[in-house]
């Protein structure tokens, strides 16, 4: 949808409700990819970003460097302010800095 320039807000809204219902079954990659996709197509669902921020903090130690940067990029892209998430991801990034490659650092 994003590459085609096709907007489908009803679809993304419906998917966001399903994601919030089932996010407990998502692994770290699925969480990061989902929130990245919403930001990439420019579809901001505040409730989804709040919900996912809690899930990220809960599963913090399962995220790798690429997932961390994708999540941080997504939240910045849509302008969602989440101090707890930013603090948690910043601390994790500092702890895992040796695992970051050049793409992760400058994404």
N, C-alpha and C. Protein backbone atom coordinates (compact mmCIF):
# COMPACT_ATOMS: atom_id res chain seq x y z
N UNK A 1 0.81 -1.19 0.00
CA UNK A 1 0.00 0.00 0.00
C UNK A 1 0.86 1.26 0.00
N UNK A 2 1.90 1.26 0.78
CA UNK A 2 2.76 2.43 0.87
C UNK A 2 3.46 2.74 -0.44
N UNK A 3 4.05 1.73 -1.08
CA UNK A 3 4.77 1.96 -2.34
C UNK A 3 3.83 2.34 -3.47
N UNK A 4 2.61 1.85 -3.40
CA UNK A 4 1.64 2.16 -4.44
C UNK A 4 0.99 3.52 -4.24
N UNK A 5 1.19 4.10 -3.07
CA UNK A 5 0.56 5.37 -2.77
C UNK A 5 -0.93 5.23 -2.50
N UNK A 6 -1.35 4.01 -2.19
CA UNK A 6 -2.76 3.72 -1.94
C UNK A 6 -3.04 3.81 -0.45
N UNK A 7 -3.97 4.64 -0.08
CA UNK A 7 -4.33 4.80 1.32
C UNK A 7 -5.55 3.94 1.63
N UNK A 8 -5.47 3.20 2.70
CA UNK A 8 -6.58 2.35 3.10
C UNK A 8 -6.79 2.50 4.61
N UNK A 9 -7.25 3.68 5.04
CA UNK A 9 -7.36 3.93 6.48
C UNK A 9 -8.28 2.95 7.21
N UNK A 10 -9.36 2.55 6.58
CA UNK A 10 -10.27 1.61 7.24
C UNK A 10 -9.58 0.27 7.49
N UNK A 11 -8.80 -0.17 6.52
CA UNK A 11 -8.07 -1.42 6.67
C UNK A 11 -7.07 -1.33 7.81
N UNK A 12 -6.28 -0.25 7.84
CA UNK A 12 -5.27 -0.11 8.88
C UNK A 12 -5.90 0.07 10.26
N UNK A 13 -7.06 0.75 10.31
CA UNK A 13 -7.76 0.86 11.60
C UNK A 13 -8.23 -0.51 12.08
N UNK A 14 -8.80 -1.30 11.17
CA UNK A 14 -9.29 -2.63 11.53
C UNK A 14 -8.14 -3.53 11.98
N UNK A 15 -7.03 -3.47 11.26
CA UNK A 15 -5.87 -4.28 11.63
C UNK A 15 -5.34 -3.85 13.00
N UNK A 16 -5.35 -2.55 13.27
CA UNK A 16 -4.82 -2.08 14.56
C UNK A 16 -5.62 -2.66 15.72
N UNK A 17 -6.92 -2.79 15.55
CA UNK A 17 -7.74 -3.39 16.62
C UNK A 17 -7.38 -4.85 16.84
N UNK A 18 -7.15 -5.57 15.76
CA UNK A 18 -6.73 -6.98 15.87
C UNK A 18 -5.36 -7.10 16.51
N UNK A 19 -4.46 -6.20 16.14
CA UNK A 19 -3.11 -6.21 16.73
C UNK A 19 -3.21 -6.01 18.24
N UNK A 20 -4.03 -5.05 18.66
CA UNK A 20 -4.15 -4.78 20.10
C UNK A 20 -4.80 -5.96 20.84
N UNK A 21 -5.66 -6.70 20.16
CA UNK A 21 -6.27 -7.89 20.76
C UNK A 21 -5.27 -9.04 20.90
N UNK A 22 -4.35 -9.15 19.94
CA UNK A 22 -3.49 -10.32 19.85
C UNK A 22 -2.01 -10.05 20.10
N UNK A 23 -1.65 -8.84 20.50
CA UNK A 23 -0.23 -8.50 20.61
C UNK A 23 0.52 -9.38 21.61
N UNK A 24 -0.18 -10.03 22.52
CA UNK A 24 0.50 -10.92 23.46
C UNK A 24 1.14 -12.12 22.76
N UNK A 25 0.66 -12.43 21.57
CA UNK A 25 1.21 -13.56 20.82
C UNK A 25 2.35 -13.14 19.88
N UNK A 26 2.62 -11.84 19.78
CA UNK A 26 3.64 -11.34 18.86
C UNK A 26 5.03 -11.46 19.48
N UNK A 27 5.99 -11.83 18.65
CA UNK A 27 7.38 -11.80 19.11
C UNK A 27 7.95 -10.41 18.83
N UNK A 28 9.19 -10.19 19.21
CA UNK A 28 9.78 -8.85 19.09
C UNK A 28 9.83 -8.38 17.64
N UNK A 29 10.14 -9.25 16.71
CA UNK A 29 10.20 -8.85 15.31
C UNK A 29 8.82 -8.46 14.79
N UNK A 30 7.81 -9.19 15.17
CA UNK A 30 6.45 -8.87 14.72
C UNK A 30 5.98 -7.53 15.30
N UNK A 31 6.33 -7.27 16.54
CA UNK A 31 5.97 -5.99 17.16
C UNK A 31 6.66 -4.85 16.43
N UNK A 32 7.96 -4.97 16.24
CA UNK A 32 8.73 -3.91 15.59
C UNK A 32 8.27 -3.70 14.14
N UNK A 33 8.03 -4.76 13.43
CA UNK A 33 7.61 -4.65 12.02
C UNK A 33 6.23 -4.03 11.90
N UNK A 34 5.34 -4.36 12.82
CA UNK A 34 3.99 -3.82 12.78
C UNK A 34 4.00 -2.31 12.99
N UNK A 35 4.68 -1.86 14.03
CA UNK A 35 4.67 -0.43 14.34
C UNK A 35 5.45 0.35 13.27
N UNK A 36 6.50 -0.27 12.73
CA UNK A 36 7.26 0.35 11.62
C UNK A 36 6.35 0.53 10.41
N UNK A 37 5.54 -0.49 10.09
CA UNK A 37 4.67 -0.43 8.92
C UNK A 37 3.65 0.71 9.03
N UNK A 38 3.09 0.87 10.22
CA UNK A 38 2.13 1.96 10.42
C UNK A 38 2.80 3.32 10.20
N UNK A 39 3.98 3.48 10.73
CA UNK A 39 4.69 4.75 10.55
C UNK A 39 5.08 4.95 9.08
N UNK A 40 5.52 3.89 8.44
CA UNK A 40 5.98 3.97 7.05
C UNK A 40 4.88 4.45 6.11
N UNK A 41 3.66 3.96 6.31
CA UNK A 41 2.55 4.39 5.45
C UNK A 41 1.89 5.66 5.97
N UNK A 42 2.34 6.14 7.12
CA UNK A 42 1.80 7.39 7.66
C UNK A 42 0.42 7.25 8.28
N UNK A 43 0.11 6.07 8.76
CA UNK A 43 -1.20 5.86 9.40
C UNK A 43 -0.99 5.79 10.92
N UNK A 44 -1.34 6.86 11.58
CA UNK A 44 -1.12 6.99 13.02
C UNK A 44 -2.39 6.64 13.79
N UNK A 45 -2.29 5.61 14.61
CA UNK A 45 -3.37 5.21 15.50
C UNK A 45 -2.81 5.34 16.92
N UNK A 46 -3.10 6.46 17.59
CA UNK A 46 -2.49 6.71 18.90
C UNK A 46 -2.65 5.55 19.89
N UNK A 47 -3.83 4.94 19.90
CA UNK A 47 -4.07 3.83 20.84
C UNK A 47 -3.13 2.66 20.56
N UNK A 48 -2.86 2.40 19.30
CA UNK A 48 -1.94 1.32 18.94
C UNK A 48 -0.53 1.63 19.43
N UNK A 49 -0.09 2.86 19.23
CA UNK A 49 1.26 3.24 19.66
C UNK A 49 1.40 3.19 21.18
N UNK A 50 0.34 3.57 21.90
CA UNK A 50 0.36 3.46 23.37
C UNK A 50 0.43 1.99 23.77
N UNK A 51 -0.43 1.18 23.17
CA UNK A 51 -0.48 -0.25 23.48
C UNK A 51 0.86 -0.93 23.21
N UNK A 52 1.42 -0.66 22.05
CA UNK A 52 2.69 -1.29 21.67
C UNK A 52 3.83 -0.81 22.58
N UNK A 53 3.79 0.44 22.99
CA UNK A 53 4.87 0.93 23.88
C UNK A 53 4.91 0.12 25.17
N UNK A 54 3.74 -0.20 25.71
CA UNK A 54 3.69 -1.02 26.93
C UNK A 54 4.24 -2.42 26.67
N UNK A 55 3.90 -2.98 25.52
CA UNK A 55 4.35 -4.33 25.17
C UNK A 55 5.87 -4.34 24.96
N UNK A 56 6.41 -3.31 24.33
CA UNK A 56 7.86 -3.23 24.12
C UNK A 56 8.58 -3.18 25.46
N UNK A 57 8.11 -2.35 26.36
CA UNK A 57 8.74 -2.24 27.68
C UNK A 57 8.67 -3.57 28.42
N UNK A 58 7.54 -4.24 28.30
CA UNK A 58 7.36 -5.55 28.96
C UNK A 58 8.33 -6.61 28.43
N UNK A 59 8.59 -6.58 27.12
CA UNK A 59 9.43 -7.59 26.47
C UNK A 59 10.80 -7.03 26.07
N UNK A 60 11.23 -5.99 26.75
CA UNK A 60 12.38 -5.20 26.34
C UNK A 60 13.62 -6.04 26.01
N UNK A 61 13.92 -7.01 26.82
CA UNK A 61 15.16 -7.78 26.65
C UNK A 61 15.12 -8.73 25.45
N UNK A 62 14.02 -8.77 24.70
CA UNK A 62 13.94 -9.65 23.54
C UNK A 62 14.22 -8.96 22.22
N UNK A 63 14.40 -7.63 22.24
CA UNK A 63 14.57 -6.86 21.01
C UNK A 63 16.05 -6.76 20.63
N UNK A 64 16.31 -6.93 19.33
CA UNK A 64 17.68 -6.76 18.84
C UNK A 64 17.89 -5.32 18.35
N UNK A 65 19.09 -5.01 17.91
CA UNK A 65 19.42 -3.63 17.55
C UNK A 65 18.56 -3.11 16.39
N UNK A 66 18.30 -3.92 15.40
CA UNK A 66 17.48 -3.47 14.27
C UNK A 66 16.05 -3.19 14.73
N UNK A 67 15.52 -4.04 15.56
CA UNK A 67 14.16 -3.84 16.06
C UNK A 67 14.07 -2.58 16.92
N UNK A 68 15.09 -2.34 17.72
CA UNK A 68 15.13 -1.13 18.55
C UNK A 68 15.10 0.11 17.67
N UNK A 69 15.96 0.14 16.66
CA UNK A 69 16.02 1.33 15.80
C UNK A 69 14.74 1.49 14.99
N UNK A 70 14.14 0.40 14.55
CA UNK A 70 12.88 0.50 13.81
C UNK A 70 11.77 1.07 14.68
N UNK A 71 11.72 0.64 15.92
CA UNK A 71 10.70 1.15 16.85
C UNK A 71 10.94 2.63 17.13
N UNK A 72 12.18 2.98 17.42
CA UNK A 72 12.48 4.39 17.71
C UNK A 72 12.15 5.26 16.50
N UNK A 73 12.49 4.80 15.31
CA UNK A 73 12.19 5.55 14.09
C UNK A 73 10.69 5.72 13.93
N UNK A 74 9.92 4.65 14.15
CA UNK A 74 8.47 4.69 13.96
C UNK A 74 7.81 5.71 14.89
N UNK A 75 8.22 5.70 16.15
CA UNK A 75 7.62 6.63 17.12
C UNK A 75 8.01 8.07 16.78
N UNK A 76 9.22 8.28 16.35
CA UNK A 76 9.65 9.63 15.95
C UNK A 76 8.91 10.07 14.69
N UNK A 77 8.76 9.17 13.75
CA UNK A 77 8.12 9.49 12.46
C UNK A 77 6.69 9.99 12.65
N UNK A 78 5.93 9.33 13.53
CA UNK A 78 4.54 9.75 13.73
C UNK A 78 4.42 10.83 14.80
N UNK A 79 5.51 11.12 15.50
CA UNK A 79 5.48 12.15 16.54
C UNK A 79 4.79 11.72 17.81
N UNK A 80 4.85 10.42 18.09
CA UNK A 80 4.22 9.91 19.32
C UNK A 80 5.19 10.06 20.48
N UNK A 81 4.80 10.80 21.47
CA UNK A 81 5.63 11.06 22.64
C UNK A 81 5.39 9.99 23.69
N UNK A 82 6.43 9.24 24.03
CA UNK A 82 6.34 8.17 25.02
C UNK A 82 7.62 8.14 25.85
N UNK A 83 7.73 9.01 26.85
CA UNK A 83 8.97 9.10 27.63
C UNK A 83 9.43 7.77 28.24
N UNK A 84 8.50 6.98 28.76
CA UNK A 84 8.89 5.69 29.35
C UNK A 84 9.53 4.78 28.31
N UNK A 85 8.93 4.73 27.12
CA UNK A 85 9.47 3.90 26.05
C UNK A 85 10.84 4.43 25.62
N UNK A 86 10.94 5.73 25.41
CA UNK A 86 12.22 6.32 24.98
C UNK A 86 13.32 6.04 26.00
N UNK A 87 12.99 6.20 27.28
CA UNK A 87 13.99 5.94 28.32
C UNK A 87 14.42 4.47 28.31
N UNK A 88 13.44 3.58 28.21
CA UNK A 88 13.75 2.14 28.21
C UNK A 88 14.59 1.75 27.00
N UNK A 89 14.20 2.24 25.81
CA UNK A 89 14.95 1.91 24.60
C UNK A 89 16.33 2.56 24.59
N UNK A 90 16.42 3.76 25.14
CA UNK A 90 17.73 4.42 25.22
C UNK A 90 18.68 3.64 26.11
N UNK A 91 18.18 3.20 27.25
CA UNK A 91 19.02 2.42 28.17
C UNK A 91 19.43 1.10 27.53
N UNK A 92 18.48 0.42 26.90
CA UNK A 92 18.80 -0.84 26.22
C UNK A 92 19.82 -0.60 25.11
N UNK A 93 19.67 0.47 24.37
CA UNK A 93 20.61 0.79 23.30
C UNK A 93 22.01 0.99 23.84
N UNK A 94 22.11 1.71 24.95
CA UNK A 94 23.42 1.92 25.57
C UNK A 94 24.03 0.59 26.02
N UNK A 95 23.20 -0.28 26.58
CA UNK A 95 23.67 -1.58 27.05
C UNK A 95 24.11 -2.49 25.90
N UNK A 96 23.46 -2.32 24.75
CA UNK A 96 23.70 -3.20 23.60
C UNK A 96 24.45 -2.51 22.47
N UNK A 97 25.06 -1.39 22.72
CA UNK A 97 25.68 -0.58 21.68
C UNK A 97 26.67 -1.35 20.81
N UNK A 98 27.37 -2.29 21.39
CA UNK A 98 28.34 -3.07 20.63
C UNK A 98 27.69 -3.95 19.56
N UNK A 99 26.39 -4.19 19.66
CA UNK A 99 25.71 -5.04 18.68
C UNK A 99 25.14 -4.22 17.52
N UNK A 100 25.18 -2.89 17.61
CA UNK A 100 24.64 -2.04 16.56
C UNK A 100 25.63 -1.94 15.40
N UNK A 101 25.10 -1.99 14.17
CA UNK A 101 25.95 -1.77 13.01
C UNK A 101 25.71 -0.34 12.50
N UNK A 102 26.35 0.05 11.42
CA UNK A 102 26.25 1.43 10.93
C UNK A 102 24.82 1.79 10.54
N UNK A 103 24.08 0.85 9.99
CA UNK A 103 22.69 1.14 9.63
C UNK A 103 21.85 1.41 10.85
N UNK A 104 22.08 0.64 11.91
CA UNK A 104 21.31 0.83 13.13
C UNK A 104 21.59 2.18 13.76
N UNK A 105 22.83 2.63 13.66
CA UNK A 105 23.22 3.89 14.30
C UNK A 105 22.70 5.11 13.56
N UNK A 106 22.51 5.01 12.25
CA UNK A 106 22.16 6.19 11.48
C UNK A 106 20.86 6.08 10.74
N UNK A 107 20.00 5.24 11.19
CA UNK A 107 18.69 5.06 10.55
C UNK A 107 17.80 6.22 10.89
